[in-house]
N, C-alpha and C. Protein backbone atom coordinates (compact mmCIF):
# COMPACT_ATOMS: atom_id res chain seq x y z
N MET A 1 0.84 -1.16 0.00
CA MET A 1 0.00 0.00 0.00
C MET A 1 0.89 1.23 0.00
N SER A 2 0.77 2.09 -1.01
CA SER A 2 1.65 3.23 -1.14
C SER A 2 0.86 4.54 -1.10
N CYS A 3 1.39 5.51 -0.40
CA CYS A 3 0.73 6.79 -0.23
C CYS A 3 0.88 7.62 -1.51
N VAL A 4 -0.23 8.16 -1.99
CA VAL A 4 -0.24 8.95 -3.22
C VAL A 4 0.61 10.21 -3.07
N THR A 5 0.55 10.86 -1.92
CA THR A 5 1.23 12.14 -1.73
C THR A 5 2.74 12.02 -1.88
N CYS A 6 3.32 10.92 -1.45
CA CYS A 6 4.78 10.88 -1.39
C CYS A 6 5.44 9.66 -2.00
N GLU A 7 4.71 8.62 -2.36
CA GLU A 7 5.39 7.39 -2.75
C GLU A 7 5.10 6.85 -4.14
N ILE A 8 4.01 7.27 -4.79
CA ILE A 8 3.69 6.68 -6.09
C ILE A 8 3.38 7.74 -7.13
N THR A 9 3.38 7.31 -8.38
CA THR A 9 2.95 8.17 -9.47
C THR A 9 1.48 7.87 -9.73
N PRO A 10 0.60 8.85 -9.55
CA PRO A 10 -0.82 8.59 -9.72
C PRO A 10 -1.22 8.42 -11.18
N PRO A 11 -2.44 7.91 -11.45
CA PRO A 11 -2.88 7.70 -12.82
C PRO A 11 -3.08 9.01 -13.58
N GLU A 12 -3.13 8.91 -14.89
CA GLU A 12 -3.34 10.08 -15.75
C GLU A 12 -4.65 10.77 -15.38
N GLY A 13 -4.65 12.07 -15.31
CA GLY A 13 -5.83 12.83 -14.96
C GLY A 13 -5.91 13.17 -13.49
N HIS A 14 -5.09 12.54 -12.67
CA HIS A 14 -5.12 12.77 -11.22
C HIS A 14 -4.54 14.14 -10.90
N GLY A 15 -5.23 14.86 -10.04
CA GLY A 15 -4.70 16.13 -9.57
C GLY A 15 -4.83 17.28 -10.53
N GLY A 16 -5.36 17.04 -11.70
CA GLY A 16 -5.49 18.09 -12.68
C GLY A 16 -6.88 18.68 -12.69
N PRO A 17 -7.17 19.47 -13.72
CA PRO A 17 -8.50 20.06 -13.81
C PRO A 17 -9.55 18.97 -14.06
N ARG A 18 -10.78 19.30 -13.76
CA ARG A 18 -11.87 18.35 -13.95
C ARG A 18 -11.99 18.01 -15.44
N LEU A 19 -11.98 16.73 -15.76
CA LEU A 19 -11.96 16.29 -17.15
C LEU A 19 -13.35 16.10 -17.74
N HIS A 20 -14.30 15.66 -16.92
CA HIS A 20 -15.68 15.43 -17.36
C HIS A 20 -16.53 15.20 -16.12
N ASP A 21 -17.83 14.98 -16.31
CA ASP A 21 -18.73 14.81 -15.17
C ASP A 21 -18.38 13.61 -14.30
N GLY A 22 -17.66 12.65 -14.86
CA GLY A 22 -17.29 11.46 -14.11
C GLY A 22 -15.98 11.61 -13.35
N HIS A 23 -15.44 12.82 -13.29
CA HIS A 23 -14.19 13.08 -12.57
C HIS A 23 -14.50 14.08 -11.46
N ILE A 24 -14.29 13.68 -10.22
CA ILE A 24 -14.49 14.59 -9.11
C ILE A 24 -13.22 14.71 -8.31
N SER A 25 -13.03 15.89 -7.73
CA SER A 25 -11.83 16.10 -6.94
C SER A 25 -12.11 17.09 -5.84
N ALA A 26 -12.09 16.61 -4.60
CA ALA A 26 -12.25 17.51 -3.45
C ALA A 26 -11.05 18.44 -3.35
N ARG A 27 -9.92 18.04 -3.92
CA ARG A 27 -8.72 18.86 -3.87
C ARG A 27 -8.84 20.10 -4.75
N HIS A 28 -9.66 20.02 -5.77
CA HIS A 28 -9.69 21.08 -6.77
C HIS A 28 -11.05 21.76 -6.88
N GLY A 29 -11.71 21.96 -5.76
CA GLY A 29 -12.91 22.77 -5.76
C GLY A 29 -14.22 22.01 -5.75
N ASP A 30 -14.25 20.76 -6.18
CA ASP A 30 -15.50 20.02 -6.09
C ASP A 30 -15.77 19.80 -4.60
N THR A 31 -17.01 19.90 -4.24
CA THR A 31 -17.38 19.61 -2.86
C THR A 31 -18.41 18.51 -2.87
N PHE A 32 -18.37 17.69 -1.84
CA PHE A 32 -19.33 16.61 -1.73
C PHE A 32 -20.62 17.20 -1.17
N THR A 33 -21.55 17.47 -2.07
CA THR A 33 -22.80 18.08 -1.67
C THR A 33 -23.88 17.02 -1.57
N LEU A 34 -25.01 17.43 -1.03
CA LEU A 34 -26.15 16.54 -0.90
C LEU A 34 -26.48 15.94 -2.26
N GLY A 35 -26.65 14.64 -2.30
CA GLY A 35 -27.00 13.98 -3.56
C GLY A 35 -25.83 13.43 -4.32
N LEU A 36 -24.62 13.46 -3.77
CA LEU A 36 -23.44 12.93 -4.44
C LEU A 36 -22.96 11.69 -3.70
N ALA A 37 -22.70 10.63 -4.44
CA ALA A 37 -22.16 9.41 -3.84
C ALA A 37 -21.12 8.83 -4.78
N VAL A 38 -20.10 8.19 -4.20
CA VAL A 38 -19.06 7.53 -4.98
C VAL A 38 -19.07 6.06 -4.60
N LEU A 39 -19.30 5.20 -5.60
CA LEU A 39 -19.32 3.76 -5.38
C LEU A 39 -18.08 3.15 -6.01
N PHE A 40 -17.38 2.34 -5.23
CA PHE A 40 -16.22 1.60 -5.73
C PHE A 40 -16.57 0.13 -5.65
N ARG A 41 -16.65 -0.51 -6.80
CA ARG A 41 -17.05 -1.92 -6.90
C ARG A 41 -18.33 -2.19 -6.10
N GLY A 42 -19.27 -1.25 -6.22
CA GLY A 42 -20.59 -1.41 -5.62
C GLY A 42 -20.71 -0.98 -4.17
N GLN A 43 -19.61 -0.59 -3.53
CA GLN A 43 -19.66 -0.15 -2.13
C GLN A 43 -19.51 1.36 -2.04
N ASP A 44 -20.21 1.98 -1.11
CA ASP A 44 -20.18 3.43 -0.93
C ASP A 44 -18.88 3.85 -0.22
N TRP A 45 -18.05 4.62 -0.92
CA TRP A 45 -16.78 5.12 -0.37
C TRP A 45 -16.79 6.64 -0.32
N THR A 46 -17.96 7.25 -0.36
CA THR A 46 -18.08 8.70 -0.46
C THR A 46 -17.29 9.44 0.61
N LEU A 47 -17.43 9.05 1.86
CA LEU A 47 -16.80 9.81 2.94
C LEU A 47 -15.28 9.73 2.96
N GLN A 48 -14.70 8.71 2.35
CA GLN A 48 -13.25 8.57 2.31
C GLN A 48 -12.64 9.15 1.04
N THR A 49 -13.46 9.49 0.06
CA THR A 49 -12.97 9.88 -1.26
C THR A 49 -12.30 11.24 -1.26
N VAL A 50 -11.14 11.30 -1.93
CA VAL A 50 -10.43 12.54 -2.17
C VAL A 50 -10.61 12.92 -3.64
N GLU A 51 -10.48 11.94 -4.53
CA GLU A 51 -10.64 12.16 -5.97
C GLU A 51 -11.09 10.85 -6.58
N ALA A 52 -11.87 10.93 -7.66
CA ALA A 52 -12.35 9.70 -8.30
C ALA A 52 -12.58 9.94 -9.79
N MET A 53 -12.41 8.88 -10.57
CA MET A 53 -12.67 8.89 -12.00
C MET A 53 -13.61 7.74 -12.29
N ALA A 54 -14.83 8.05 -12.71
CA ALA A 54 -15.79 7.01 -13.03
C ALA A 54 -15.30 6.21 -14.23
N GLY A 55 -15.50 4.90 -14.18
CA GLY A 55 -15.10 4.04 -15.28
C GLY A 55 -15.18 2.58 -14.89
N ASP A 56 -14.87 1.73 -15.86
CA ASP A 56 -14.91 0.29 -15.62
C ASP A 56 -13.64 -0.17 -14.90
N GLU A 57 -13.41 -1.46 -14.86
CA GLU A 57 -12.25 -2.02 -14.13
C GLU A 57 -10.90 -1.50 -14.63
N THR A 58 -10.82 -1.11 -15.90
CA THR A 58 -9.54 -0.64 -16.43
C THR A 58 -9.41 0.88 -16.42
N ASP A 59 -10.52 1.61 -16.51
CA ASP A 59 -10.46 3.07 -16.60
C ASP A 59 -10.80 3.78 -15.29
N GLY A 60 -11.54 3.12 -14.40
CA GLY A 60 -11.98 3.77 -13.18
C GLY A 60 -10.94 3.69 -12.08
N TRP A 61 -10.87 4.73 -11.27
CA TRP A 61 -9.99 4.72 -10.10
C TRP A 61 -10.53 5.67 -9.04
N ILE A 62 -10.11 5.43 -7.82
CA ILE A 62 -10.56 6.23 -6.70
C ILE A 62 -9.38 6.45 -5.76
N GLU A 63 -9.23 7.69 -5.31
CA GLU A 63 -8.22 7.99 -4.28
C GLU A 63 -8.98 8.18 -2.97
N VAL A 64 -8.59 7.45 -1.96
CA VAL A 64 -9.29 7.50 -0.68
C VAL A 64 -8.33 7.70 0.48
N ARG A 65 -8.83 8.31 1.54
CA ARG A 65 -8.07 8.42 2.79
C ARG A 65 -8.20 7.10 3.54
N LEU A 66 -7.10 6.63 4.10
CA LEU A 66 -7.17 5.44 4.95
C LEU A 66 -7.68 5.88 6.32
N ILE A 67 -8.68 5.19 6.81
CA ILE A 67 -9.30 5.53 8.08
C ILE A 67 -8.93 4.49 9.13
N SER A 68 -8.51 4.96 10.31
CA SER A 68 -8.16 4.09 11.44
C SER A 68 -9.43 3.52 12.04
N PRO A 69 -9.31 2.45 12.83
CA PRO A 69 -10.50 1.87 13.48
C PRO A 69 -11.28 2.87 14.34
N ASP A 70 -10.61 3.91 14.86
CA ASP A 70 -11.32 4.90 15.67
C ASP A 70 -12.01 5.97 14.83
N GLY A 71 -11.93 5.87 13.50
CA GLY A 71 -12.62 6.80 12.61
C GLY A 71 -11.81 8.01 12.18
N THR A 72 -10.56 8.10 12.61
CA THR A 72 -9.71 9.22 12.22
C THR A 72 -8.80 8.82 11.05
N PRO A 73 -8.40 9.80 10.24
CA PRO A 73 -7.49 9.46 9.13
C PRO A 73 -6.14 8.95 9.64
N THR A 74 -5.56 8.00 8.92
CA THR A 74 -4.22 7.52 9.23
C THR A 74 -3.23 8.59 8.78
N ILE A 75 -2.32 8.98 9.66
CA ILE A 75 -1.36 10.05 9.35
C ILE A 75 -0.01 9.43 8.97
N HIS A 76 0.51 9.90 7.84
CA HIS A 76 1.84 9.49 7.38
C HIS A 76 2.84 10.47 7.97
N PRO A 77 3.87 9.98 8.65
CA PRO A 77 4.83 10.90 9.27
C PRO A 77 5.62 11.67 8.20
N PRO A 78 6.29 12.74 8.60
CA PRO A 78 7.09 13.50 7.64
C PRO A 78 8.17 12.63 7.01
N GLY A 79 8.58 13.03 5.82
CA GLY A 79 9.60 12.28 5.08
C GLY A 79 10.99 12.53 5.62
N PRO A 80 11.98 11.85 5.04
CA PRO A 80 13.36 12.05 5.47
C PRO A 80 13.82 13.47 5.16
N HIS A 81 14.81 13.94 5.89
CA HIS A 81 15.32 15.29 5.68
C HIS A 81 16.15 15.37 4.39
N ILE A 82 15.96 16.48 3.67
CA ILE A 82 16.71 16.75 2.45
C ILE A 82 17.18 18.20 2.47
N CYS A 83 18.14 18.49 1.63
CA CYS A 83 18.63 19.86 1.47
C CYS A 83 17.57 20.65 0.71
N PRO A 84 17.19 21.86 1.17
CA PRO A 84 16.18 22.63 0.46
C PRO A 84 16.67 23.19 -0.87
N ASP A 85 17.99 23.20 -1.08
CA ASP A 85 18.53 23.76 -2.32
C ASP A 85 18.80 22.71 -3.40
N CYS A 86 19.35 21.56 -3.02
CA CYS A 86 19.71 20.56 -4.03
C CYS A 86 18.96 19.24 -3.86
N ALA A 87 18.13 19.13 -2.83
CA ALA A 87 17.32 17.93 -2.54
C ALA A 87 18.15 16.69 -2.21
N ALA A 88 19.41 16.89 -1.85
CA ALA A 88 20.24 15.75 -1.45
C ALA A 88 19.75 15.20 -0.11
N PRO A 89 19.73 13.88 0.05
CA PRO A 89 19.30 13.30 1.33
C PRO A 89 20.23 13.75 2.46
N ARG A 90 19.65 13.97 3.62
CA ARG A 90 20.43 14.38 4.79
C ARG A 90 20.14 13.46 5.96
N PRO A 91 20.48 12.16 5.86
CA PRO A 91 20.19 11.23 6.94
C PRO A 91 20.96 11.54 8.22
N ASP A 92 22.04 12.33 8.10
CA ASP A 92 22.87 12.65 9.26
C ASP A 92 22.30 13.79 10.09
N TYR A 93 21.25 14.45 9.61
CA TYR A 93 20.73 15.63 10.29
C TYR A 93 20.05 15.25 11.59
N ASP A 94 20.38 15.98 12.65
CA ASP A 94 19.79 15.76 13.97
C ASP A 94 18.91 16.97 14.29
N GLU A 95 17.61 16.73 14.53
CA GLU A 95 16.66 17.82 14.82
C GLU A 95 17.14 18.71 15.96
N GLY A 96 17.80 18.14 16.94
CA GLY A 96 18.24 18.92 18.10
C GLY A 96 19.58 19.60 17.90
N GLY A 97 20.17 19.42 16.72
CA GLY A 97 21.51 19.97 16.48
C GLY A 97 21.51 21.47 16.30
N ASP A 98 22.70 22.02 16.19
CA ASP A 98 22.89 23.46 16.02
C ASP A 98 22.63 23.81 14.56
N ALA A 99 21.56 24.57 14.29
CA ALA A 99 21.17 24.89 12.92
C ALA A 99 22.21 25.76 12.21
N THR A 100 23.04 26.49 12.94
CA THR A 100 24.02 27.36 12.29
C THR A 100 25.21 26.56 11.76
N ALA A 101 25.39 25.33 12.24
CA ALA A 101 26.53 24.52 11.82
C ALA A 101 26.12 23.44 10.83
N VAL A 102 24.99 23.64 10.14
CA VAL A 102 24.49 22.63 9.21
C VAL A 102 24.90 23.02 7.79
N PHE A 103 25.73 22.17 7.15
CA PHE A 103 26.14 22.41 5.77
C PHE A 103 25.86 21.16 4.96
N CYS A 104 25.28 21.35 3.78
CA CYS A 104 24.95 20.22 2.92
C CYS A 104 26.23 19.67 2.29
N PRO A 105 26.47 18.36 2.39
CA PRO A 105 27.66 17.80 1.75
C PRO A 105 27.57 17.83 0.22
N GLY A 106 26.37 17.95 -0.33
CA GLY A 106 26.20 17.97 -1.78
C GLY A 106 26.48 19.32 -2.41
N CYS A 107 25.94 20.40 -1.80
CA CYS A 107 26.09 21.72 -2.43
C CYS A 107 26.72 22.76 -1.49
N GLY A 108 26.89 22.41 -0.22
CA GLY A 108 27.54 23.31 0.72
C GLY A 108 26.64 24.40 1.30
N THR A 109 25.38 24.38 0.98
CA THR A 109 24.48 25.40 1.50
C THR A 109 24.39 25.33 3.02
N PRO A 110 24.28 26.48 3.69
CA PRO A 110 24.16 26.47 5.15
C PRO A 110 22.70 26.37 5.63
N HIS A 111 21.77 26.17 4.71
CA HIS A 111 20.36 26.12 5.09
C HIS A 111 20.01 24.84 5.83
N LYS A 112 19.11 25.00 6.78
CA LYS A 112 18.64 23.87 7.58
C LYS A 112 17.88 22.89 6.70
N PRO A 113 18.15 21.59 6.82
CA PRO A 113 17.40 20.60 6.04
C PRO A 113 15.91 20.63 6.37
N VAL A 114 15.10 20.21 5.41
CA VAL A 114 13.65 20.19 5.56
C VAL A 114 13.15 18.77 5.28
N PRO A 115 11.98 18.41 5.83
CA PRO A 115 11.42 17.09 5.49
C PRO A 115 11.05 17.06 4.00
N LYS A 116 11.26 15.91 3.37
CA LYS A 116 10.93 15.76 1.95
C LYS A 116 9.45 16.00 1.71
N TRP A 117 8.60 15.59 2.65
CA TRP A 117 7.17 15.89 2.63
C TRP A 117 6.71 16.08 4.06
N PRO A 118 5.68 16.91 4.28
CA PRO A 118 5.18 17.11 5.64
C PRO A 118 4.31 15.93 6.07
N ALA A 119 3.98 15.88 7.35
CA ALA A 119 3.03 14.88 7.83
C ALA A 119 1.70 15.14 7.13
N HIS A 120 0.99 14.08 6.74
CA HIS A 120 -0.25 14.24 5.99
C HIS A 120 -1.10 12.98 6.12
N PRO A 121 -2.41 13.09 5.86
CA PRO A 121 -3.24 11.88 5.86
C PRO A 121 -2.81 10.97 4.71
N VAL A 122 -2.75 9.68 4.97
CA VAL A 122 -2.39 8.72 3.94
C VAL A 122 -3.57 8.57 2.98
N THR A 123 -3.28 8.71 1.69
CA THR A 123 -4.28 8.44 0.67
C THR A 123 -3.72 7.39 -0.28
N VAL A 124 -4.58 6.50 -0.74
CA VAL A 124 -4.19 5.45 -1.67
C VAL A 124 -5.13 5.46 -2.86
N ILE A 125 -4.65 4.94 -3.98
CA ILE A 125 -5.47 4.85 -5.18
C ILE A 125 -5.79 3.39 -5.43
N ARG A 126 -7.06 3.14 -5.69
CA ARG A 126 -7.54 1.81 -6.04
C ARG A 126 -8.09 1.86 -7.45
N GLN A 127 -7.63 0.96 -8.30
CA GLN A 127 -8.11 0.85 -9.67
C GLN A 127 -9.31 -0.09 -9.68
N GLY A 128 -10.36 0.25 -10.40
CA GLY A 128 -11.52 -0.64 -10.47
C GLY A 128 -12.77 0.10 -10.91
N HIS A 129 -13.88 -0.61 -10.88
CA HIS A 129 -15.15 -0.07 -11.33
C HIS A 129 -15.65 1.02 -10.37
N VAL A 130 -15.74 2.25 -10.88
CA VAL A 130 -16.18 3.39 -10.08
C VAL A 130 -17.41 4.00 -10.72
N GLN A 131 -18.42 4.24 -9.89
CA GLN A 131 -19.63 4.93 -10.33
C GLN A 131 -19.83 6.15 -9.45
N ILE A 132 -20.28 7.24 -10.07
CA ILE A 132 -20.56 8.46 -9.34
C ILE A 132 -22.05 8.75 -9.53
N ILE A 133 -22.71 9.03 -8.42
CA ILE A 133 -24.14 9.31 -8.48
C ILE A 133 -24.35 10.75 -8.04
N ARG A 134 -24.95 11.54 -8.92
CA ARG A 134 -25.32 12.92 -8.61
C ARG A 134 -26.83 13.01 -8.71
N GLY A 135 -27.50 13.14 -7.57
CA GLY A 135 -28.96 13.16 -7.57
C GLY A 135 -29.48 11.83 -8.08
N THR A 136 -30.14 11.85 -9.22
CA THR A 136 -30.65 10.61 -9.82
C THR A 136 -29.82 10.18 -11.02
N GLN A 137 -28.75 10.91 -11.31
CA GLN A 137 -27.91 10.60 -12.47
C GLN A 137 -26.77 9.66 -12.08
N LEU A 138 -26.67 8.53 -12.76
CA LEU A 138 -25.58 7.58 -12.54
C LEU A 138 -24.54 7.81 -13.62
N ILE A 139 -23.32 8.12 -13.20
CA ILE A 139 -22.22 8.37 -14.14
C ILE A 139 -21.28 7.18 -14.05
N THR A 140 -21.11 6.48 -15.16
CA THR A 140 -20.26 5.29 -15.15
C THR A 140 -18.94 5.53 -15.87
N GLY A 141 -18.77 6.69 -16.45
CA GLY A 141 -17.54 7.03 -17.16
C GLY A 141 -17.75 8.28 -17.98
N PRO A 142 -16.76 8.67 -18.78
CA PRO A 142 -16.93 9.87 -19.60
C PRO A 142 -18.01 9.64 -20.66
N GLU A 143 -18.66 10.72 -21.04
CA GLU A 143 -19.66 10.64 -22.11
C GLU A 143 -18.96 10.25 -23.40
N PRO A 144 -19.52 9.30 -24.17
CA PRO A 144 -18.88 8.94 -25.44
C PRO A 144 -18.93 10.11 -26.40
N ALA A 145 -17.88 10.22 -27.21
CA ALA A 145 -17.83 11.30 -28.21
C ALA A 145 -18.91 11.06 -29.25
N THR A 146 -19.58 12.13 -29.64
CA THR A 146 -20.61 12.02 -30.68
C THR A 146 -20.10 12.72 -31.92
N SER A 147 -20.45 12.16 -33.05
CA SER A 147 -20.00 12.77 -34.30
C SER A 147 -21.16 13.55 -34.92
N ALA A 148 -20.85 14.64 -35.55
CA ALA A 148 -21.85 15.45 -36.22
C ALA A 148 -22.25 14.78 -37.52
N VAL A 149 -23.54 14.70 -37.77
CA VAL A 149 -24.02 14.06 -39.00
C VAL A 149 -24.53 15.07 -39.96
């Protein structure tokens, strides 16, 4: 299980502008309003959904937050420390150390190392049959292209 934020390359269309009615993204302005539901392989995953693309087993995908047994999101700790200038790994950095004596062995910058990513809720992507329901409309994928006659 790999976290979308820091460990994997997400599928095409992820994180970008809304592509069609079958693409929703809480990250990019869509809000889960009354009458919206996201089904993944027939089960309701609406409350965990971050982003979804309606489609069949090969085209559909859903990004969801992992929820702990107590109902709270699972938090991924911050990433390893890196140099803010050259992104070189800094495994030798000690949080309690003297920040003025920190020099990157890669580029020599005196800047304090930063985590590669901040702490964040773990999200994962599942590929499979996704349906989006808006009111009474069932969206199973993008609208097929129509040709002018």
